[in-house]
Amino acid sequence: MTANANPSLSSSVDALRSPGIVAPIAGLGLIRVSGDDAATFLHGQLTNATEDLSPATARLAGYCSPKGRLQASFLTWRDVEGIVLQLSAEIQPALQKRLTMFVLRAKAKLADISAAYRLLGVAGPKAAEALAAAGLPAPQALLAAAAADGSTVIRLHDAAAQPRWQVAVPAERADAVQAALSGALSPAGSEVWDWLEIEAGIPRIVAATQEQFVPQMINFELIGGVNFRKGCYPGQEVVARSQYRGTLKRRMWRVHGDGAAPAPATEIFRPDDAEQPCGMIVNATASPEGGWDGLAELKIDAAGGPMHLGAADGTPVVTRALPYEVPLSGEGQTAG
């Protein structure tokens, strides 16, 4: 452990490797879209397909403005009552209201179900065994979903070289499920789960970053959040043009810096240009080794050089590899 390491986070990361951890997932809201036309309605609104979404599959998806800028990012899945959209809690009420405006004559109803469920994250080498011992499934394929007793378990992207699952459990059963999982796994705080999302390279749109990014700027298509074969949705032409014209000049990287974690939308500058930022923080949280780790949207030609947080003379920011390959437009290279 380094002198500046975060002891609590470092301890949880050690536990992550053996036997694993269980952690509450904070800062998220849930919208359920129900009715005969729920899937068709969402299919015309989101960047990913919903018409063929089965109970056995979860998907990432985005909701864009007509200019192709993300207003929200979702994890979506189907339960017995409809399709669930998981998103940042701070934007959930306004986003739900906006989507409701476009229902029109469709047989679809949107409801806030955030209070009805608790979200738990499990990760590590013994996580699947812990889920089974708690009477829950542990689907193995990426973004596979399975249900049991009103709970939905989703296999997420690996992080820190460990498998991960999310459990959406009815609130009245959440304490019992968490206690059962804690019998085999080490309890951890929600900040550990935030760090794992960053390690996995999974961005989340929050209020400060709404309307800032075309999906490809934050690698959303690389992690399965965009379907380029589906029909139209708001901003679809802009998103498609960014994909096929090969002119994308910005991508997302993992980044690290000293001090407290910066807020989303904090700008990043090159030391020789105090006027024009070269990037923006997408998400950031405390790092187990001290300082902070984050995801940042950056100009491709700036990512390999010196950068500073907040100002040209701010604290240094360094880039780190993502767990997936990132094509760099026009350069025939990848970063990751």
Protein backbone atom coordinates (compact mmCIF):
# COMPACT_ATOMS: atom_id res chain seq x y z
CA MET A 1 0.00 0.00 0.00
CA THR A 2 1.39 3.41 -0.95
CA ALA A 3 1.67 6.28 1.51
CA ASN A 4 -1.34 8.02 -0.01
CA ALA A 5 -3.47 4.92 -0.45
CA ASN A 6 -7.10 4.87 0.68
CA PRO A 7 -7.09 2.16 3.40
CA SER A 8 -10.80 1.37 3.20
CA LEU A 9 -10.80 1.05 -0.57
CA SER A 10 -7.51 -0.86 -0.58
CA SER A 11 -8.93 -3.35 1.91
CA SER A 12 -12.03 -3.84 -0.25
CA VAL A 13 -9.91 -4.37 -3.37
CA ASP A 14 -7.90 -7.00 -1.50
CA ALA A 15 -11.17 -8.69 -0.52
CA LEU A 16 -12.38 -8.43 -4.12
CA ARG A 17 -9.62 -10.81 -5.18
CA SER A 18 -10.45 -13.30 -2.43
CA PRO A 19 -13.18 -14.20 -1.71
CA GLY A 20 -15.09 -11.30 -3.29
CA ILE A 21 -17.33 -8.43 -2.20
CA VAL A 22 -20.97 -7.45 -1.88
CA ALA A 23 -21.74 -3.73 -2.03
CA PRO A 24 -24.78 -1.48 -2.23
CA ILE A 25 -25.06 0.37 -5.53
CA ALA A 26 -25.89 4.04 -4.96
CA GLY A 27 -27.03 6.97 -7.06
CA LEU A 28 -29.32 5.08 -9.45
CA GLY A 29 -33.02 5.28 -10.22
CA LEU A 30 -35.37 2.83 -11.92
CA ILE A 31 -38.17 3.45 -14.40
CA ARG A 32 -40.46 0.63 -15.49
CA VAL A 33 -42.19 0.96 -18.86
CA SER A 34 -45.22 -1.33 -19.03
CA GLY A 35 -48.08 -1.94 -21.45
CA ASP A 36 -48.62 -3.68 -24.78
CA ASP A 37 -46.53 -1.12 -26.67
CA ALA A 38 -43.72 -0.70 -24.12
CA ALA A 39 -41.03 -2.41 -26.22
CA THR A 40 -42.11 -0.73 -29.47
CA PHE A 41 -42.23 2.69 -27.82
CA LEU A 42 -38.74 2.37 -26.34
CA HIS A 43 -37.39 0.92 -29.58
CA GLY A 44 -38.16 4.25 -31.25
CA GLN A 45 -36.52 6.28 -28.48
CA LEU A 46 -33.30 4.54 -27.45
CA THR A 47 -29.97 3.84 -29.14
CA ASN A 48 -30.36 0.09 -28.64
CA ALA A 49 -33.06 -2.39 -29.62
CA THR A 50 -35.85 -3.26 -27.20
CA GLU A 51 -38.39 -5.02 -29.43
CA ASP A 52 -36.42 -8.27 -29.14
CA LEU A 53 -35.29 -7.78 -25.54
CA SER A 54 -35.92 -11.03 -23.69
CA PRO A 55 -35.96 -11.73 -19.94
CA ALA A 56 -32.64 -13.55 -20.43
CA THR A 57 -30.77 -10.48 -21.70
CA ALA A 58 -29.91 -7.03 -20.40
CA ARG A 59 -28.65 -4.22 -22.63
CA LEU A 60 -26.99 -0.87 -22.33
CA ALA A 61 -28.77 1.95 -24.16
CA GLY A 62 -28.77 5.70 -24.45
CA TYR A 63 -31.33 8.43 -24.99
CA CYS A 64 -30.16 11.24 -27.25
CA SER A 65 -31.24 14.74 -28.14
CA PRO A 66 -32.07 15.45 -31.79
CA LYS A 67 -28.42 16.59 -32.10
CA GLY A 68 -27.22 13.12 -31.14
CA ARG A 69 -26.01 14.12 -27.67
CA LEU A 70 -26.67 11.75 -24.80
CA GLN A 71 -29.27 12.88 -22.30
CA ALA A 72 -29.15 9.60 -20.37
CA SER A 73 -27.43 6.23 -20.30
CA PHE A 74 -29.30 3.13 -19.19
CA LEU A 75 -28.95 -0.47 -18.23
CA THR A 76 -32.17 -2.08 -19.48
CA TRP A 77 -33.82 -5.42 -18.78
CA ARG A 78 -37.25 -7.04 -18.96
CA ASP A 79 -39.13 -8.30 -15.93
CA VAL A 80 -42.60 -9.79 -15.61
CA GLU A 81 -44.24 -6.36 -15.58
CA GLY A 82 -42.35 -4.54 -18.35
CA ILE A 83 -38.98 -3.12 -19.31
CA VAL A 84 -36.82 -1.53 -16.61
CA LEU A 85 -34.55 1.45 -17.32
CA GLN A 86 -31.75 2.01 -14.80
CA LEU A 87 -30.15 5.47 -14.87
CA SER A 88 -28.66 8.18 -12.69
CA ALA A 89 -31.14 9.00 -9.94
CA GLU A 90 -30.56 12.74 -10.25
CA ILE A 91 -31.85 12.83 -13.83
CA GLN A 92 -34.53 10.14 -13.47
CA PRO A 93 -37.58 12.37 -12.71
CA ALA A 94 -36.98 14.80 -15.58
CA LEU A 95 -36.06 12.03 -18.00
CA GLN A 96 -39.18 10.05 -17.10
CA LYS A 97 -41.31 13.14 -17.65
CA ARG A 98 -39.68 13.78 -21.02
CA LEU A 99 -40.16 10.23 -22.25
CA THR A 100 -43.79 10.31 -21.09
CA MET A 101 -44.37 13.29 -23.40
CA PHE A 102 -43.67 11.06 -26.40
CA VAL A 103 -45.92 8.14 -25.45
CA LEU A 104 -48.90 9.81 -27.20
CA ARG A 105 -51.31 7.05 -28.25
CA ALA A 106 -48.98 4.16 -27.50
CA LYS A 107 -50.12 1.67 -24.87
CA ALA A 108 -47.19 2.34 -22.58
CA LYS A 109 -46.95 3.68 -19.04
CA LEU A 110 -43.84 4.88 -17.23
CA ALA A 111 -43.55 4.46 -13.45
CA ASP A 112 -40.81 5.30 -10.95
CA ILE A 113 -40.00 2.02 -9.17
CA SER A 114 -36.78 3.19 -7.49
CA ALA A 115 -38.15 2.76 -3.97
CA ALA A 116 -39.46 -0.73 -4.69
CA TYR A 117 -36.01 -2.24 -5.28
CA ARG A 118 -32.51 -2.17 -3.87
CA LEU A 119 -29.46 -2.68 -6.04
CA LEU A 120 -26.57 -4.83 -4.84
CA GLY A 121 -23.28 -5.52 -6.57
CA VAL A 122 -21.32 -8.73 -6.13
CA ALA A 123 -17.89 -9.40 -7.59
CA GLY A 124 -14.92 -11.68 -7.18
CA PRO A 125 -13.92 -15.34 -7.54
CA LYS A 126 -16.52 -16.61 -5.04
CA ALA A 127 -19.34 -14.31 -6.13
CA ALA A 128 -21.17 -16.90 -8.24
CA GLU A 129 -21.06 -19.40 -5.38
CA ALA A 130 -22.37 -16.76 -2.98
CA LEU A 131 -25.29 -15.98 -5.29
CA ALA A 132 -26.18 -19.67 -5.51
CA ALA A 133 -25.99 -20.03 -1.72
CA ALA A 134 -28.40 -17.09 -1.42
CA GLY A 135 -30.85 -18.81 -3.77
CA LEU A 136 -30.04 -16.54 -6.70
CA PRO A 137 -28.90 -17.36 -10.24
CA ALA A 138 -25.49 -16.32 -11.56
CA PRO A 139 -25.78 -16.02 -15.35
CA GLN A 140 -22.40 -16.33 -17.03
CA ALA A 141 -22.64 -14.68 -20.46
CA LEU A 142 -21.97 -10.94 -20.61
CA LEU A 143 -25.20 -9.00 -19.90
CA ALA A 144 -27.15 -12.21 -19.44
CA ALA A 145 -30.05 -11.85 -17.01
CA ALA A 146 -31.97 -14.29 -14.85
CA ALA A 147 -34.83 -13.89 -12.37
CA ALA A 148 -35.73 -15.58 -9.09
CA ASP A 149 -38.36 -14.66 -6.49
CA GLY A 150 -38.85 -11.19 -7.93
CA SER A 151 -35.13 -10.42 -8.13
CA THR A 152 -33.16 -9.93 -11.34
CA VAL A 153 -29.48 -10.84 -11.54
CA ILE A 154 -27.41 -9.44 -14.42
CA ARG A 155 -23.87 -10.44 -15.40
CA LEU A 156 -21.93 -7.22 -15.89
CA HIS A 157 -18.59 -6.41 -17.55
CA ASP A 158 -15.60 -7.69 -15.63
CA ALA A 159 -13.60 -5.15 -13.62
CA ALA A 160 -10.15 -5.42 -12.06
CA ALA A 161 -9.95 -8.87 -13.69
CA GLN A 162 -12.91 -10.12 -11.63
CA PRO A 163 -16.46 -11.18 -12.65
CA ARG A 164 -19.35 -8.98 -11.53
CA TRP A 165 -23.11 -9.27 -11.10
CA GLN A 166 -25.84 -6.79 -10.21
CA VAL A 167 -28.86 -7.89 -8.18
CA ALA A 168 -32.10 -5.88 -8.30
CA VAL A 169 -33.94 -7.22 -5.26
CA PRO A 170 -37.37 -6.21 -3.90
CA ALA A 171 -36.80 -3.73 -1.08
CA GLU A 172 -38.60 -5.83 1.52
CA ARG A 173 -36.16 -8.72 0.91
CA ALA A 174 -33.00 -6.70 0.41
CA ASP A 175 -31.66 -6.92 3.97
CA ALA A 176 -32.04 -10.69 4.04
CA VAL A 177 -30.40 -11.11 0.62
CA GLN A 178 -27.53 -8.80 1.53
CA ALA A 179 -26.99 -10.69 4.79
CA ALA A 180 -26.96 -14.02 2.95
CA LEU A 181 -24.40 -12.75 0.43
CA SER A 182 -22.30 -11.27 3.24
CA GLY A 183 -21.96 -14.74 4.72
CA ALA A 184 -19.62 -15.67 1.88
CA LEU A 185 -18.39 -12.29 0.63
CA SER A 186 -16.81 -9.26 2.29
CA PRO A 187 -19.15 -6.27 2.71
CA ALA A 188 -17.93 -3.15 0.89
CA GLY A 189 -19.15 0.40 0.41
CA SER A 190 -20.85 1.84 -2.66
CA GLU A 191 -17.67 3.79 -3.55
CA VAL A 192 -15.99 0.45 -4.31
CA TRP A 193 -18.69 -0.31 -6.87
CA ASP A 194 -18.26 3.15 -8.40
CA TRP A 195 -14.54 2.42 -8.75
CA LEU A 196 -15.24 -0.94 -10.39
CA GLU A 197 -17.50 0.72 -12.96
CA ILE A 198 -14.60 3.01 -13.86
CA GLU A 199 -12.17 0.09 -14.00
CA ALA A 200 -14.59 -1.60 -16.43
CA GLY A 201 -14.76 1.53 -18.59
CA ILE A 202 -18.54 1.91 -18.21
CA PRO A 203 -19.60 5.58 -18.34
CA ARG A 204 -22.74 6.97 -16.73
CA ILE A 205 -24.44 10.18 -17.82
CA VAL A 206 -25.31 12.48 -14.91
CA ALA A 207 -26.93 15.92 -14.80
CA ALA A 208 -23.68 17.79 -15.41
CA THR A 209 -22.84 15.78 -18.53
CA GLN A 210 -26.22 15.70 -20.25
CA GLU A 211 -26.00 16.92 -23.87
CA GLN A 212 -22.18 16.82 -23.82
CA PHE A 213 -21.35 13.64 -25.73
CA VAL A 214 -22.25 11.82 -28.91
CA PRO A 215 -22.28 8.14 -27.80
CA GLN A 216 -18.98 7.30 -29.53
CA MET A 217 -17.17 10.07 -27.63
CA ILE A 218 -17.54 7.98 -24.48
CA ASN A 219 -17.07 4.60 -26.22
CA PHE A 220 -20.73 3.74 -25.79
CA GLU A 221 -20.93 1.72 -28.98
CA LEU A 222 -17.86 -0.30 -27.95
CA ILE A 223 -19.58 -1.62 -24.83
CA GLY A 224 -22.80 -2.57 -26.63
CA GLY A 225 -24.88 0.57 -26.05
CA VAL A 226 -25.67 1.37 -29.71
CA ASN A 227 -27.33 -0.78 -32.35
CA PHE A 228 -26.58 0.60 -35.81
CA ARG A 229 -29.03 -1.78 -37.53
CA LYS A 230 -32.17 -0.71 -35.70
CA GLY A 231 -34.66 1.88 -36.86
CA CYS A 232 -34.72 5.59 -36.18
CA TYR A 233 -34.51 7.25 -32.79
CA PRO A 234 -33.80 10.86 -31.77
CA GLY A 235 -30.32 11.83 -32.95
CA GLN A 236 -29.86 8.65 -34.98
CA GLU A 237 -28.55 10.41 -38.10
CA VAL A 238 -25.86 12.24 -36.13
CA VAL A 239 -24.79 9.06 -34.34
CA ALA A 240 -24.64 7.13 -37.61
CA ARG A 241 -22.68 9.89 -39.33
CA SER A 242 -20.14 9.90 -36.50
CA GLN A 243 -19.74 6.15 -36.94
CA TYR A 244 -19.41 5.84 -40.69
CA ARG A 245 -17.64 9.00 -41.79
CA GLY A 246 -14.62 8.20 -39.63
CA THR A 247 -14.24 11.77 -38.41
CA LEU A 248 -14.51 11.17 -34.66
CA LYS A 249 -11.85 13.25 -32.91
CA ARG A 250 -12.69 12.39 -29.31
CA ARG A 251 -12.75 9.19 -27.29
CA MET A 252 -12.90 8.15 -23.65
CA TRP A 253 -9.94 7.01 -21.54
CA ARG A 254 -9.38 5.95 -17.98
CA VAL A 255 -7.53 8.70 -16.15
CA HIS A 256 -5.87 9.21 -12.77
CA GLY A 257 -4.90 12.23 -10.69
CA ASP A 258 -3.97 13.36 -7.19
CA GLY A 259 -6.27 14.98 -4.67
CA ALA A 260 -10.03 14.69 -4.32
CA ALA A 261 -12.10 13.21 -7.14
CA PRO A 262 -13.31 15.92 -9.54
CA ALA A 263 -16.95 16.46 -10.34
CA PRO A 264 -18.35 15.24 -13.66
CA ALA A 265 -17.96 17.83 -16.46
CA THR A 266 -14.74 19.23 -14.92
CA GLU A 267 -12.62 20.30 -17.88
CA ILE A 268 -9.12 19.08 -18.71
CA PHE A 269 -6.47 21.28 -20.35
CA ARG A 270 -3.16 20.91 -22.09
CA PRO A 271 -0.38 22.93 -20.41
CA ASP A 272 0.17 25.04 -23.54
CA ASP A 273 -3.48 26.00 -24.07
CA ALA A 274 -5.30 27.76 -21.25
CA GLU A 275 -8.24 28.76 -23.44
CA GLN A 276 -9.51 25.56 -25.02
CA PRO A 277 -10.08 22.44 -22.92
CA CYS A 278 -8.97 19.16 -24.45
CA GLY A 279 -11.38 17.00 -22.50
CA MET A 280 -13.94 16.56 -19.77
CA ILE A 281 -14.42 14.27 -16.78
CA VAL A 282 -17.28 11.80 -17.32
CA ASN A 283 -17.19 10.06 -13.93
CA ALA A 284 -14.59 9.96 -11.15
CA THR A 285 -14.19 8.47 -7.68
CA ALA A 286 -11.55 7.87 -5.03
CA SER A 287 -8.76 5.46 -5.99
CA PRO A 288 -7.55 2.63 -3.73
CA GLU A 289 -3.97 3.76 -4.31
CA GLY A 290 -4.74 7.36 -3.34
CA GLY A 291 -5.98 10.26 -5.40
CA TRP A 292 -8.76 9.50 -7.84
CA ASP A 293 -9.54 7.36 -10.86
CA GLY A 294 -11.96 8.42 -13.54
CA LEU A 295 -13.23 8.25 -17.08
CA ALA A 296 -12.61 11.25 -19.30
CA GLU A 297 -13.62 12.20 -22.82
CA LEU A 298 -10.47 13.55 -24.51
CA LYS A 299 -9.30 14.79 -27.85
CA ILE A 300 -7.51 11.85 -29.42
CA ASP A 301 -4.44 13.93 -30.22
CA ALA A 302 -4.20 15.10 -26.59
CA ALA A 303 -4.58 11.80 -24.79
CA GLY A 304 -0.94 10.78 -24.98
CA GLY A 305 0.53 14.05 -23.75
CA PRO A 306 0.61 16.09 -20.53
CA MET A 307 -2.77 17.27 -19.27
CA HIS A 308 -4.03 19.15 -16.24
CA LEU A 309 -7.30 19.23 -14.33
CA GLY A 310 -9.41 22.38 -14.34
CA ALA A 311 -6.78 24.70 -15.82
CA ALA A 312 -3.60 24.63 -17.86
CA ASP A 313 -1.61 24.77 -14.61
CA GLY A 314 -3.87 22.47 -12.59
CA THR A 315 -2.94 19.12 -11.10
CA PRO A 316 -1.59 16.59 -13.62
CA VAL A 317 -3.89 14.02 -15.20
CA VAL A 318 -2.48 10.80 -16.68
CA THR A 319 -4.23 8.33 -18.98
CA ARG A 320 -4.51 4.63 -18.27
CA ALA A 321 -5.55 1.68 -20.39
CA LEU A 322 -9.14 0.56 -20.72
CA PRO A 323 -10.06 -3.13 -20.60
CA TYR A 324 -11.29 -3.00 -24.21
CA GLU A 325 -9.79 -1.79 -27.46
CA VAL A 326 -10.63 1.71 -28.63
CA PRO A 327 -10.23 2.50 -32.36
CA LEU A 328 -8.75 5.90 -33.00
CA SER A 329 -10.35 7.48 -36.07
CA GLY A 330 -8.07 8.03 -39.02
CA GLU A 331 -4.99 6.71 -37.27
CA GLY A 332 -5.28 2.96 -37.72
CA GLN A 333 -4.46 2.51 -34.04
CA THR A 334 -6.15 1.39 -30.91
CA ALA A 335 -5.83 2.43 -27.31
CA GLY A 336 -6.71 0.07 -24.54
